PDB file of N, CA and C in Angstrom:
ATOM      1  N   UNK A   1      99.395  88.771  73.067  1.00  0.00           N
ATOM      2  CA  UNK A   1      99.006  89.081  74.328  1.00  0.00           C
ATOM      3  C   UNK A   1      97.771  88.337  74.384  1.00  0.00           C
ATOM      4  N   UNK A   2      97.557  87.902  75.963  1.00  0.00           N
ATOM      5  CA  UNK A   2      96.674  87.202  75.741  1.00  0.00           C
ATOM      6  C   UNK A   2      95.391  88.345  76.507  1.00  0.00           C
ATOM      7  N   UNK A   3      94.029  88.003  75.367  1.00  0.00           N
ATOM      8  CA  UNK A   3      93.086  89.172  75.893  1.00  0.00           C
ATOM      9  C   UNK A   3      92.414  88.846  77.224  1.00  0.00           C
ATOM     10  N   UNK A   4      92.095  89.719  77.727  1.00  0.00           N
ATOM     11  CA  UNK A   4      91.289  89.574  79.246  1.00  0.00           C
ATOM     12  C   UNK A   4      89.782  90.257  79.088  1.00  0.00           C
ATOM     13  N   UNK A   5      88.993  90.076  79.708  1.00  0.00           N
ATOM     14  CA  UNK A   5      87.612  90.011  79.454  1.00  0.00           C
ATOM     15  C   UNK A   5      87.071  91.419  80.611  1.00  0.00           C
ATOM     16  N   UNK A   6      87.042  92.252  80.357  1.00  0.00           N
ATOM     17  CA  UNK A   6      86.361  93.478  80.616  1.00  0.00           C
ATOM     18  C   UNK A   6      85.156  94.065  80.221  1.00  0.00           C
ATOM     19  N   UNK A   7      83.829  94.262  81.162  1.00  0.00           N
ATOM     20  CA  UNK A   7      82.738  94.611  81.100  1.00  0.00           C
ATOM     21  C   UNK A   7      81.755  94.001  79.685  1.00  0.00           C
ATOM     22  N   UNK A   8      82.176  92.654  79.964  1.00  0.00           N
ATOM     23  CA  UNK A   8      81.925  91.978  78.667  1.00  0.00           C
ATOM     24  C   UNK A   8      82.701  91.811  77.324  1.00  0.00           C
ATOM     25  N   UNK A   9      83.514  92.597  77.312  1.00  0.00           N
ATOM     26  CA  UNK A   9      84.452  92.889  75.937  1.00  0.00           C
ATOM     27  C   UNK A   9      85.727  92.302  76.372  1.00  0.00           C
ATOM     28  N   UNK A  10      86.576  91.899  75.102  1.00  0.00           N
ATOM     29  CA  UNK A  10      87.661  91.799  75.132  1.00  0.00           C
ATOM     30  C   UNK A  10      89.021  93.208  75.270  1.00  0.00           C
ATOM     31  N   UNK A  11      89.709  93.096  76.160  1.00  0.00           N
ATOM     32  CA  UNK A  11      90.771  94.075  76.055  1.00  0.00           C
ATOM     33  C   UNK A  11      92.270  93.277  75.374  1.00  0.00           C
ATOM     34  N   UNK A  12      92.704  93.827  74.097  1.00  0.00           N
ATOM     35  CA  UNK A  12      93.605  93.394  73.062  1.00  0.00           C
ATOM     36  C   UNK A  12      94.917  93.755  73.367  1.00  0.00           C
ATOM     37  N   UNK A  13      94.854  95.216  74.049  1.00  0.00           N
ATOM     38  CA  UNK A  13      96.188  95.888  74.718  1.00  0.00           C
ATOM     39  C   UNK A  13      96.139  96.729  75.860  1.00  0.00           C
ATOM     40  N   UNK A  14      97.024  97.196  76.592  1.00  0.00           N
ATOM     41  CA  UNK A  14      96.998  98.187  77.306  1.00  0.00           C
ATOM     42  C   UNK A  14      98.039  98.651  76.896  1.00  0.00           C
ATOM     43  N   UNK A  15      98.152 100.043  77.105  1.00  0.00           N
ATOM     44  CA  UNK A  15      99.519 100.709  76.536  1.00  0.00           C
ATOM     45  C   UNK A  15      99.698 101.259  78.151  1.00  0.00           C
ATOM     46  N   UNK A  16     101.074 101.197  78.735  1.00  0.00           N
ATOM     47  CA  UNK A  16     101.638 101.531  79.822  1.00  0.00           C
ATOM     48  C   UNK A  16     102.157 102.606  79.391  1.00  0.00           C
ATOM     49  N   UNK A  17     102.521 103.891  79.995  1.00  0.00           N
ATOM     50  CA  UNK A  17     103.235 104.634  80.251  1.00  0.00           C
ATOM     51  C   UNK A  17     102.395 105.845  79.039  1.00  0.00           C
ATOM     52  N   UNK A  18     101.065 105.202  78.928  1.00  0.00           N
ATOM     53  CA  UNK A  18     100.320 106.344  78.212  1.00  0.00           C
ATOM     54  C   UNK A  18     100.402 108.010  79.031  1.00  0.00           C
ATOM     55  N   UNK A  19     100.438 108.750  78.285  1.00  0.00           N
ATOM     56  CA  UNK A  19      99.653 110.149  78.680  1.00  0.00           C
ATOM     57  C   UNK A  19      98.828 110.555  79.379  1.00  0.00           C
ATOM     58  N   UNK A  20      98.761 111.088  80.237  1.00  0.00           N
ATOM     59  CA  UNK A  20      97.575 111.114  81.222  1.00  0.00           C
ATOM     60  C   UNK A  20      96.777 111.632  80.758  1.00  0.00           C
ATOM     61  N   UNK A  21      97.326 112.720  79.703  1.00  0.00           N
ATOM     62  CA  UNK A  21      95.856 113.079  78.794  1.00  0.00           C
ATOM     63  C   UNK A  21      96.040 112.934  77.202  1.00  0.00           C
ATOM     64  N   UNK A  22      95.365 111.810  76.883  1.00  0.00           N
ATOM     65  CA  UNK A  22      95.765 110.913  75.462  1.00  0.00           C
ATOM     66  C   UNK A  22      95.102 112.087  74.891  1.00  0.00           C
ATOM     67  N   UNK A  23      96.354 112.431  73.338  1.00  0.00           N
ATOM     68  CA  UNK A  23      95.785 113.522  72.272  1.00  0.00           C
ATOM     69  C   UNK A  23      95.376 112.642  71.357  1.00  0.00           C
ATOM     70  N   UNK A  24      94.216 113.020  70.489  1.00  0.00           N
ATOM     71  CA  UNK A  24      94.206 112.464  69.025  1.00  0.00           C
ATOM     72  C   UNK A  24      95.638 112.050  68.105  1.00  0.00           C
ATOM     73  N   UNK A  25      96.627 112.827  68.125  1.00  0.00           N
ATOM     74  CA  UNK A  25      97.614 112.348  67.620  1.00  0.00           C
ATOM     75  C   UNK A  25      98.659 111.130  68.146  1.00  0.00           C
ATOM     76  N   UNK A  26      98.612 111.033  69.802  1.00  0.00           N
ATOM     77  CA  UNK A  26      98.893 110.062  70.139  1.00  0.00           C
ATOM     78  C   UNK A  26      98.305 109.077  70.051  1.00  0.00           C
ATOM     79  N   UNK A  27      96.764 108.824  70.270  1.00  0.00           N
ATOM     80  CA  UNK A  27      96.145 107.838  69.683  1.00  0.00           C
ATOM     81  C   UNK A  27      95.982 107.430  68.637  1.00  0.00           C
ATOM     82  N   UNK A  28      95.952 108.228  67.126  1.00  0.00           N
ATOM     83  CA  UNK A  28      96.158 107.862  65.922  1.00  0.00           C
ATOM     84  C   UNK A  28      97.865 107.199  66.026  1.00  0.00           C
ATOM     85  N   UNK A  29      98.940 107.573  66.685  1.00  0.00           N
ATOM     86  CA  UNK A  29     100.300 107.319  66.162  1.00  0.00           C
ATOM     87  C   UNK A  29     100.103 105.531  66.726  1.00  0.00           C
ATOM     88  N   UNK A  30      99.597 105.015  68.027  1.00  0.00           N
ATOM     89  CA  UNK A  30      99.845 104.081  68.591  1.00  0.00           C
ATOM     90  C   UNK A  30     100.180 102.945  67.360  1.00  0.00           C
ATOM     91  N   UNK A  31     101.022 101.696  67.529  1.00  0.00           N
ATOM     92  CA  UNK A  31     101.059 100.658  66.583  1.00  0.00           C
ATOM     93  C   UNK A  31      99.831  99.937  65.680  1.00  0.00           C
ATOM     94  N   UNK A  32      99.060  99.752  66.714  1.00  0.00           N
ATOM     95  CA  UNK A  32      98.034  99.193  66.214  1.00  0.00           C
ATOM     96  C   UNK A  32      96.683  99.708  65.819  1.00  0.00           C
ATOM     97  N   UNK A  33      96.938 101.195  65.649  1.00  0.00           N
ATOM     98  CA  UNK A  33      95.951 102.029  65.069  1.00  0.00           C
ATOM     99  C   UNK A  33      95.413 102.598  65.898  1.00  0.00           C
ATOM    100  N   UNK A  34      94.319 103.427  65.226  1.00  0.00           N
ATOM    101  CA  UNK A  34      93.367 104.169  66.679  1.00  0.00           C
ATOM    102  C   UNK A  34      92.527 102.688  67.483  1.00  0.00           C
ATOM    103  N   UNK A  35      92.978 102.963  68.599  1.00  0.00           N
ATOM    104  CA  UNK A  35      91.769 102.502  69.656  1.00  0.00           C
ATOM    105  C   UNK A  35      90.547 102.220  69.659  1.00  0.00           C
ATOM    106  N   UNK A  36      89.633 101.017  69.461  1.00  0.00           N
ATOM    107  CA  UNK A  36      88.240 101.192  69.687  1.00  0.00           C
ATOM    108  C   UNK A  36      87.353 101.877  70.829  1.00  0.00           C
ATOM    109  N   UNK A  37      88.076 101.400  71.757  1.00  0.00           N
ATOM    110  CA  UNK A  37      88.122 102.155  73.172  1.00  0.00           C
ATOM    111  C   UNK A  37      88.780 102.700  74.105  1.00  0.00           C
ATOM    112  N   UNK A  38      88.845 103.887  74.483  1.00  0.00           N
ATOM    113  CA  UNK A  38      89.891 104.088  75.595  1.00  0.00           C
ATOM    114  C   UNK A  38      89.031 104.340  77.402  1.00  0.00           C
ATOM    115  N   UNK A  39      89.231 103.469  78.063  1.00  0.00           N
ATOM    116  CA  UNK A  39      88.652 103.279  79.181  1.00  0.00           C
ATOM    117  C   UNK A  39      89.517 104.180  80.278  1.00  0.00           C
ATOM    118  N   UNK A  40      88.306 104.603  81.094  1.00  0.00           N
ATOM    119  CA  UNK A  40      88.905 105.399  82.730  1.00  0.00           C
ATOM    120  C   UNK A  40      87.663 105.746  83.420  1.00  0.00           C
ATOM    121  N   UNK A  41      87.890 105.248  84.930  1.00  0.00           N
ATOM    122  CA  UNK A  41      86.953 105.543  86.140  1.00  0.00           C
ATOM    123  C   UNK A  41      87.183 107.270  86.391  1.00  0.00           C
ATOM    124  N   UNK A  42      86.313 107.153  87.587  1.00  0.00           N
ATOM    125  CA  UNK A  42      86.198 108.351  88.099  1.00  0.00           C
ATOM    126  C   UNK A  42      87.651 108.592  88.878  1.00  0.00           C
ATOM    127  N   UNK A  43      88.145 109.636  89.010  1.00  0.00           N
ATOM    128  CA  UNK A  43      89.864 109.609  89.686  1.00  0.00           C
ATOM    129  C   UNK A  43      89.706 110.672  90.709  1.00  0.00           C
ATOM    130  N   UNK A  44      88.770 110.724  91.892  1.00  0.00           N
ATOM    131  CA  UNK A  44      88.555 111.178  92.959  1.00  0.00           C
ATOM    132  C   UNK A  44      90.136 111.856  93.661  1.00  0.00           C
ATOM    133  N   UNK A  45      90.959 111.404  93.845  1.00  0.00           N
ATOM    134  CA  UNK A  45      91.930 111.891  94.015  1.00  0.00           C
ATOM    135  C   UNK A  45      92.968 112.581  93.513  1.00  0.00           C
ATOM    136  N   UNK A  46      92.643 112.910  92.093  1.00  0.00           N
ATOM    137  CA  UNK A  46      93.420 113.870  91.346  1.00  0.00           C
ATOM    138  C   UNK A  46      92.189 114.942  90.870  1.00  0.00           C
ATOM    139  N   UNK A  47      91.248 115.736  91.793  1.00  0.00           N
ATOM    140  CA  UNK A  47      90.530 116.972  90.865  1.00  0.00           C
ATOM    141  C   UNK A  47      90.624 117.643  89.807  1.00  0.00           C
ATOM    142  N   UNK A  48      89.974 117.347  88.898  1.00  0.00           N
ATOM    143  CA  UNK A  48      90.229 118.216  87.687  1.00  0.00           C
ATOM    144  C   UNK A  48      89.317 119.266  87.536  1.00  0.00           C
ATOM    145  N   UNK A  49      89.711 120.407  87.079  1.00  0.00           N
ATOM    146  CA  UNK A  49      88.891 121.441  86.483  1.00  0.00           C
ATOM    147  C   UNK A  49      88.761 121.471  85.006  1.00  0.00           C
ATOM    148  N   UNK A  50      89.380 120.135  84.014  1.00  0.00           N
ATOM    149  CA  UNK A  50      88.831 120.086  82.733  1.00  0.00           C
ATOM    150  C   UNK A  50      89.245 118.458  82.728  1.00  0.00           C
ATOM    151  N   UNK A  51      88.282 118.461  81.040  1.00  0.00           N
ATOM    152  CA  UNK A  51      87.934 116.925  80.753  1.00  0.00           C
ATOM    153  C   UNK A  51      89.199 116.416  80.202  1.00  0.00           C
ATOM    154  N   UNK A  52      89.959 115.654  81.056  1.00  0.00           N
ATOM    155  CA  UNK A  52      91.563 115.074  80.214  1.00  0.00           C
ATOM    156  C   UNK A  52      91.365 113.856  78.916  1.00  0.00           C
ATOM    157  N   UNK A  53      89.700 113.408  79.151  1.00  0.00           N
ATOM    158  CA  UNK A  53      89.410 112.813  77.820  1.00  0.00           C
ATOM    159  C   UNK A  53      89.165 113.480  76.894  1.00  0.00           C
ATOM    160  N   UNK A  54      88.643 114.929  76.911  1.00  0.00           N
ATOM    161  CA  UNK A  54      87.626 115.323  75.665  1.00  0.00           C
ATOM    162  C   UNK A  54      88.091 114.660  74.767  1.00  0.00           C
ATOM    163  N   UNK A  55      89.477 114.632  73.839  1.00  0.00           N
ATOM    164  CA  UNK A  55      89.931 114.358  72.439  1.00  0.00           C
ATOM    165  C   UNK A  55      89.501 112.921  72.331  1.00  0.00           C
ATOM    166  N   UNK A  56      89.311 112.166  73.188  1.00  0.00           N
ATOM    167  CA  UNK A  56      89.132 110.457  73.019  1.00  0.00           C
ATOM    168  C   UNK A  56      87.250 111.006  72.669  1.00  0.00           C
ATOM    169  N   UNK A  57      86.550 111.701  73.917  1.00  0.00           N
ATOM    170  CA  UNK A  57      85.341 111.488  74.011  1.00  0.00           C
ATOM    171  C   UNK A  57      84.688 112.150  72.599  1.00  0.00           C
ATOM    172  N   UNK A  58      85.447 113.090  71.759  1.00  0.00           N
ATOM    173  CA  UNK A  58      85.350 113.777  70.860  1.00  0.00           C
ATOM    174  C   UNK A  58      85.427 112.950  69.505  1.00  0.00           C
ATOM    175  N   UNK A  59      86.496 111.796  69.654  1.00  0.00           N
ATOM    176  CA  UNK A  59      86.599 110.397  68.746  1.00  0.00           C
ATOM    177  C   UNK A  59      85.796 109.527  69.023  1.00  0.00           C
ATOM    178  N   UNK A  60      84.931 109.693  69.717  1.00  0.00           N
ATOM    179  CA  UNK A  60      83.573 108.656  70.403  1.00  0.00           C
ATOM    180  C   UNK A  60      84.318 107.103  70.894  1.00  0.00           C
ATOM    181  N   UNK A  61      85.674 107.478  71.371  1.00  0.00           N
ATOM    182  CA  UNK A  61      85.936 105.966  71.842  1.00  0.00           C
ATOM    183  C   UNK A  61      86.241 105.912  73.237  1.00  0.00           C
ATOM    184  N   UNK A  62      85.640 107.067  73.638  1.00  0.00           N
ATOM    185  CA  UNK A  62      86.119 107.360  75.423  1.00  0.00           C
ATOM    186  C   UNK A  62      84.761 106.394  75.979  1.00  0.00           C
ATOM    187  N   UNK A  63      85.083 105.898  77.161  1.00  0.00           N
ATOM    188  CA  UNK A  63      83.801 104.632  77.970  1.00  0.00           C
ATOM    189  C   UNK A  63      84.648 105.329  79.134  1.00  0.00           C
ATOM    190  N   UNK A  64      83.651 105.621  80.192  1.00  0.00           N
ATOM    191  CA  UNK A  64      83.707 105.372  81.594  1.00  0.00           C
ATOM    192  C   UNK A  64      83.781 104.092  82.365  1.00  0.00           C
ATOM    193  N   UNK A  65      84.549 103.547  83.376  1.00  0.00           N
ATOM    194  CA  UNK A  65      84.375 102.313  84.075  1.00  0.00           C
ATOM    195  C   UNK A  65      83.494 102.297  84.827  1.00  0.00           C
ATOM    196  N   UNK A  66      82.282 101.783  85.021  1.00  0.00           N
ATOM    197  CA  UNK A  66      81.228 102.021  86.156  1.00  0.00           C
ATOM    198  C   UNK A  66      82.193 101.911  87.811  1.00  0.00           C
ATOM    199  N   UNK A  67      81.260 102.125  88.614  1.00  0.00           N
ATOM    200  CA  UNK A  67      82.050 101.624  90.034  1.00  0.00           C
ATOM    201  C   UNK A  67      81.761 100.637  90.155  1.00  0.00           C
ATOM    202  N   UNK A  68      83.524 100.012  91.617  1.00  0.00           N
ATOM    203  CA  UNK A  68      83.888  98.736  91.243  1.00  0.00           C
ATOM    204  C   UNK A  68      84.233  99.304  92.772  1.00  0.00           C
ATOM    205  N   UNK A  69      84.573  97.502  92.937  1.00  0.00           N
ATOM    206  CA  UNK A  69      84.714  97.817  94.672  1.00  0.00           C
ATOM    207  C   UNK A  69      86.863  98.120  95.165  1.00  0.00           C
ATOM    208  N   UNK A  70      87.006  98.244  93.482  1.00  0.00           N
ATOM    209  CA  UNK A  70      88.526  98.755  93.651  1.00  0.00           C
ATOM    210  C   UNK A  70      88.428  99.925  93.435  1.00  0.00           C
ATOM    211  N   UNK A  71      87.434 101.230  93.451  1.00  0.00           N
ATOM    212  CA  UNK A  71      87.346 102.331  92.691  1.00  0.00           C
ATOM    213  C   UNK A  71      88.084 103.321  93.635  1.00  0.00           C
ATOM    214  N   UNK A  72      87.872 103.074  95.307  1.00  0.00           N
ATOM    215  CA  UNK A  72      89.014 104.352  95.721  1.00  0.00           C
ATOM    216  C   UNK A  72      90.767 103.916  95.563  1.00  0.00           C
ATOM    217  N   UNK A  73      91.221 102.638  95.344  1.00  0.00           N
ATOM    218  CA  UNK A  73      92.363 102.339  95.341  1.00  0.00           C
ATOM    219  C   UNK A  73      93.104 102.856  94.463  1.00  0.00           C
ATOM    220  N   UNK A  74      94.361 103.425  94.784  1.00  0.00           N
ATOM    221  CA  UNK A  74      95.227 104.237  93.944  1.00  0.00           C
ATOM    222  C   UNK A  74      96.885 103.637  94.501  1.00  0.00           C
ATOM    223  N   UNK A  75      97.801 104.246  94.107  1.00  0.00           N
ATOM    224  CA  UNK A  75      99.283 103.825  93.286  1.00  0.00           C
ATOM    225  C   UNK A  75      99.752 104.548  94.727  1.00  0.00           C
ATOM    226  N   UNK A  76      99.182 105.308  95.926  1.00  0.00           N
ATOM    227  CA  UNK A  76      99.769 105.369  97.004  1.00  0.00           C
ATOM    228  C   UNK A  76      99.799 104.336  97.853  1.00  0.00           C
ATOM    229  N   UNK A  77      98.101 104.039  98.086  1.00  0.00           N
ATOM    230  CA  UNK A  77      97.451 102.968  98.905  1.00  0.00           C
ATOM    231  C   UNK A  77      98.137 101.536  98.511  1.00  0.00           C
ATOM    232  N   UNK A  78      98.655 101.420  97.190  1.00  0.00           N
ATOM    233  CA  UNK A  78      99.142 100.427  97.042  1.00  0.00           C
ATOM    234  C   UNK A  78     100.343 100.499  97.702  1.00  0.00           C
ATOM    235  N   UNK A  79     101.766 101.195  97.733  1.00  0.00           N
ATOM    236  CA  UNK A  79     102.582 101.793  97.561  1.00  0.00           C
ATOM    237  C   UNK A  79     102.795 101.177  99.291  1.00  0.00           C
ATOM    238  N   UNK A  80     102.123 101.923  99.690  1.00  0.00           N
ATOM    239  CA  UNK A  80     101.528 101.776 101.138  1.00  0.00           C
ATOM    240  C   UNK A  80     101.758 100.251 102.051  1.00  0.00           C
ATOM    241  N   UNK A  81     100.749  99.687 101.161  1.00  0.00           N
ATOM    242  CA  UNK A  81     100.556  98.370 102.051  1.00  0.00           C
ATOM    243  C   UNK A  81     101.664  97.513 101.300  1.00  0.00           C
ATOM    244  N   UNK A  82     102.334  97.522 100.582  1.00  0.00           N
ATOM    245  CA  UNK A  82     103.840  96.801 100.380  1.00  0.00           C
ATOM    246  C   UNK A  82     104.513  97.371 101.162  1.00  0.00           C
ATOM    247  N   UNK A  83     104.949  98.623 101.597  1.00  0.00           N
ATOM    248  CA  UNK A  83     105.850  98.776 102.710  1.00  0.00           C
ATOM    249  C   UNK A  83     105.081  98.061 104.047  1.00  0.00           C
ATOM    250  N   UNK A  84     104.018  98.379 104.588  1.00  0.00           N
ATOM    251  CA  UNK A  84     103.373  97.960 105.267  1.00  0.00           C
ATOM    252  C   UNK A  84     103.951  96.540 105.791  1.00  0.00           C
ATOM    253  N   UNK A  85     103.576  95.530 104.509  1.00  0.00           N
ATOM    254  CA  UNK A  85     104.008  94.429 104.542  1.00  0.00           C
ATOM    255  C   UNK A  85     105.474  94.083 104.607  1.00  0.00           C
ATOM    256  N   UNK A  86     106.331  95.050 104.350  1.00  0.00           N
ATOM    257  CA  UNK A  86     107.831  94.465 104.489  1.00  0.00           C
ATOM    258  C   UNK A  86     108.084  94.676 105.742  1.00  0.00           C
ATOM    259  N   UNK A  87     107.356  95.768 106.165  1.00  0.00           N
ATOM    260  CA  UNK A  87     107.786  96.110 107.769  1.00  0.00           C
ATOM    261  C   UNK A  87     107.496  94.904 108.667  1.00  0.00           C
ATOM    262  N   UNK A  88     105.691  94.016 108.411  1.00  0.00           N
ATOM    263  CA  UNK A  88     105.920  92.832 108.657  1.00  0.00           C
ATOM    264  C   UNK A  88     106.482  91.741 108.552  1.00  0.00           C
ATOM    265  N   UNK A  89     106.841  91.316 107.740  1.00  0.00           N
ATOM    266  CA  UNK A  89     108.006  90.248 107.248  1.00  0.00           C
ATOM    267  C   UNK A  89     109.290  90.452 107.877  1.00  0.00           C
ATOM    268  N   UNK A  90     110.048  91.748 107.861  1.00  0.00           N
ATOM    269  CA  UNK A  90     111.398  91.598 108.785  1.00  0.00           C
ATOM    270  C   UNK A  90     110.736  91.658 110.475  1.00  0.00           C
ATOM    271  N   UNK A  91     110.216  92.162 110.223  1.00  0.00           N
ATOM    272  CA  UNK A  91     110.119  91.935 112.304  1.00  0.00           C
ATOM    273  C   UNK A  91     110.110  90.289 112.450  1.00  0.00           C
ATOM    274  N   UNK A  92     108.885  89.796 111.537  1.00  0.00           N
ATOM    275  CA  UNK A  92     109.114  88.281 112.118  1.00  0.00           C
ATOM    276  C   UNK A  92     110.103  87.596 111.485  1.00  0.00           C
ATOM    277  N   UNK A  93     110.829  87.992 110.284  1.00  0.00           N
ATOM    278  CA  UNK A  93     112.290  87.773 110.132  1.00  0.00           C
ATOM    279  C   UNK A  93     113.137  87.588 111.573  1.00  0.00           C
ATOM    280  N   UNK A  94     113.197  89.148 112.072  1.00  0.00           N
ATOM    281  CA  UNK A  94     113.854  89.081 113.030  1.00  0.00           C
ATOM    282  C   UNK A  94     113.438  88.428 114.384  1.00  0.00           C
ATOM    283  N   UNK A  95     112.329  87.860 114.563  1.00  0.00           N
ATOM    284  CA  UNK A  95     111.343  87.632 115.980  1.00  0.00           C
ATOM    285  C   UNK A  95     112.378  85.965 115.622  1.00  0.00           C
ATOM    286  N   UNK A  96     112.316  85.324 114.005  1.00  0.00           N
ATOM    287  CA  UNK A  96     112.709  84.049 114.034  1.00  0.00           C
ATOM    288  C   UNK A  96     114.140  84.258 114.595  1.00  0.00           C
ATOM    289  N   UNK A  97     114.616  84.982 113.725  1.00  0.00           N
ATOM    290  CA  UNK A  97     116.522  85.067 114.352  1.00  0.00           C
ATOM    291  C   UNK A  97     116.878  84.661 115.934  1.00  0.00           C
ATOM    292  N   UNK A  98     116.038  85.545 116.827  1.00  0.00           N
ATOM    293  CA  UNK A  98     116.279  85.552 118.177  1.00  0.00           C
ATOM    294  C   UNK A  98     115.477  84.242 118.564  1.00  0.00           C
ATOM    295  N   UNK A  99     114.082  83.591 118.086  1.00  0.00           N
ATOM    296  CA  UNK A  99     114.107  82.391 118.791  1.00  0.00           C
ATOM    297  C   UNK A  99     115.071  81.341 118.284  1.00  0.00           C
ATOM    298  N   UNK A 100     115.796  81.610 117.408  1.00  0.00           N
ATOM    299  CA  UNK A 100     116.555  80.547 116.613  1.00  0.00           C
ATOM    300  C   UNK A 100     117.915  80.370 117.778  1.00  0.00           C
ATOM    301  N   UNK A 101     118.391  81.845 118.094  1.00  0.00           N
ATOM    302  CA  UNK A 101     119.620  81.734 118.775  1.00  0.00           C
ATOM    303  C   UNK A 101     118.953  81.484 119.868  1.00  0.00           C
ATOM    304  N   UNK A 102     118.381  81.683 120.944  1.00  0.00           N
ATOM    305  CA  UNK A 102     117.545  81.342 122.129  1.00  0.00           C
ATOM    306  C   UNK A 102     117.347  79.752 121.633  1.00  0.00           C
ATOM    307  N   UNK A 103     117.004  79.166 120.746  1.00  0.00           N
ATOM    308  CA  UNK A 103     117.060  77.625 120.901  1.00  0.00           C
ATOM    309  C   UNK A 103     118.126  77.160 121.077  1.00  0.00           C
ATOM    310  N   UNK A 104     119.026  77.539 120.159  1.00  0.00           N
ATOM    311  CA  UNK A 104     120.414  76.856 119.817  1.00  0.00           C
ATOM    312  C   UNK A 104     121.076  76.775 121.376  1.00  0.00           C
ATOM    313  N   UNK A 105     121.231  78.043 122.300  1.00  0.00           N
ATOM    314  CA  UNK A 105     121.338  78.320 123.648  1.00  0.00           C
ATOM    315  C   UNK A 105     120.972  77.116 124.495  1.00  0.00           C
ATOM    316  N   UNK A 106     119.734  77.348 124.171  1.00  0.00           N
ATOM    317  CA  UNK A 106     119.109  76.028 125.236  1.00  0.00           C
ATOM    318  C   UNK A 106     119.429  74.722 124.688  1.00  0.00           C
ATOM    319  N   UNK A 107     119.997  74.291 123.178  1.00  0.00           N
ATOM    320  CA  UNK A 107     120.349  72.836 123.192  1.00  0.00           C
ATOM    321  C   UNK A 107     121.913  72.579 123.591  1.00  0.00           C
ATOM    322  N   UNK A 108     122.242  73.781 123.400  1.00  0.00           N
ATOM    323  CA  UNK A 108     123.905  74.123 124.002  1.00  0.00           C
ATOM    324  C   UNK A 108     124.146  73.802 125.631  1.00  0.00           C
ATOM    325  N   UNK A 109     122.895  74.447 126.429  1.00  0.00           N
ATOM    326  CA  UNK A 109     122.714  74.000 127.966  1.00  0.00           C
ATOM    327  C   UNK A 109     122.169  72.779 128.027  1.00  0.00           C
ATOM    328  N   UNK A 110     121.583  71.963 127.189  1.00  0.00           N
ATOM    329  CA  UNK A 110     120.954  70.952 127.010  1.00  0.00           C
ATOM    330  C   UNK A 110     122.568  69.575 127.312  1.00  0.00           C
ATOM    331  N   UNK A 111     123.363  70.033 126.470  1.00  0.00           N
ATOM    332  CA  UNK A 111     124.252  68.847 125.923  1.00  0.00           C
ATOM    333  C   UNK A 111     125.253  68.911 126.833  1.00  0.00           C
ATOM    334  N   UNK A 112     125.405  70.196 127.691  1.00  0.00           N
ATOM    335  CA  UNK A 112     126.488  70.655 128.532  1.00  0.00           C
ATOM    336  C   UNK A 112     125.757  70.100 129.627  1.00  0.00           C
ATOM    337  N   UNK A 113     124.790  69.716 130.002  1.00  0.00           N
ATOM    338  CA  UNK A 113     124.082  69.644 131.665  1.00  0.00           C
ATOM    339  C   UNK A 113     123.950  67.390 130.991  1.00  0.00           C
ATOM    340  N   UNK A 114     124.110  67.157 130.204  1.00  0.00           N
ATOM    341  CA  UNK A 114     123.920  65.899 130.017  1.00  0.00           C
ATOM    342  C   UNK A 114     125.542  65.443 129.916  1.00  0.00           C
ATOM    343  N   UNK A 115     126.298  66.324 129.421  1.00  0.00           N
ATOM    344  CA  UNK A 115     128.064  66.148 129.633  1.00  0.00           C
ATOM    345  C   UNK A 115     128.073  65.834 130.917  1.00  0.00           C
ATOM    346  N   UNK A 116     128.005  66.407 131.491  1.00  0.00           N
ATOM    347  CA  UNK A 116     128.018  66.611 133.026  1.00  0.00           C
ATOM    348  C   UNK A 116     127.707  65.530 133.649  1.00  0.00           C
ATOM    349  N   UNK A 117     126.084  64.929 133.403  1.00  0.00           N
ATOM    350  CA  UNK A 117     126.214  63.806 133.862  1.00  0.00           C
ATOM    351  C   UNK A 117     126.827  62.685 133.767  1.00  0.00           C
ATOM    352  N   UNK A 118     127.268  62.528 132.311  1.00  0.00           N
ATOM    353  CA  UNK A 118     127.844  61.488 132.144  1.00  0.00           C
ATOM    354  C   UNK A 118     129.031  60.834 132.967  1.00  0.00           C
TER     355      UNK A 118
END
């Protein structure tokens, strides 16, 4: 895996499909051992009345990500943007198809007119 720079540190692995609340048992069972840090940013779209990262905090490996330009972006917004982009793409393709049909009719009419004058 190619390391990525984040907050001046290298990220050597990302765990996809990790549980929302990473327990100590889960963290210690990772193939590369206990991570040196668990990053997480503020979550405004899922209000919690408990600390989902309490075990990471107790292990001293939790670090909150500071505010950034994409703080408010969530999976739902990304899916909506993809769906909107697809709708615009499909509309463009339909318009191109109609234009192509009209252009072909115009070419046929011009050929017929030219053949009639010959």
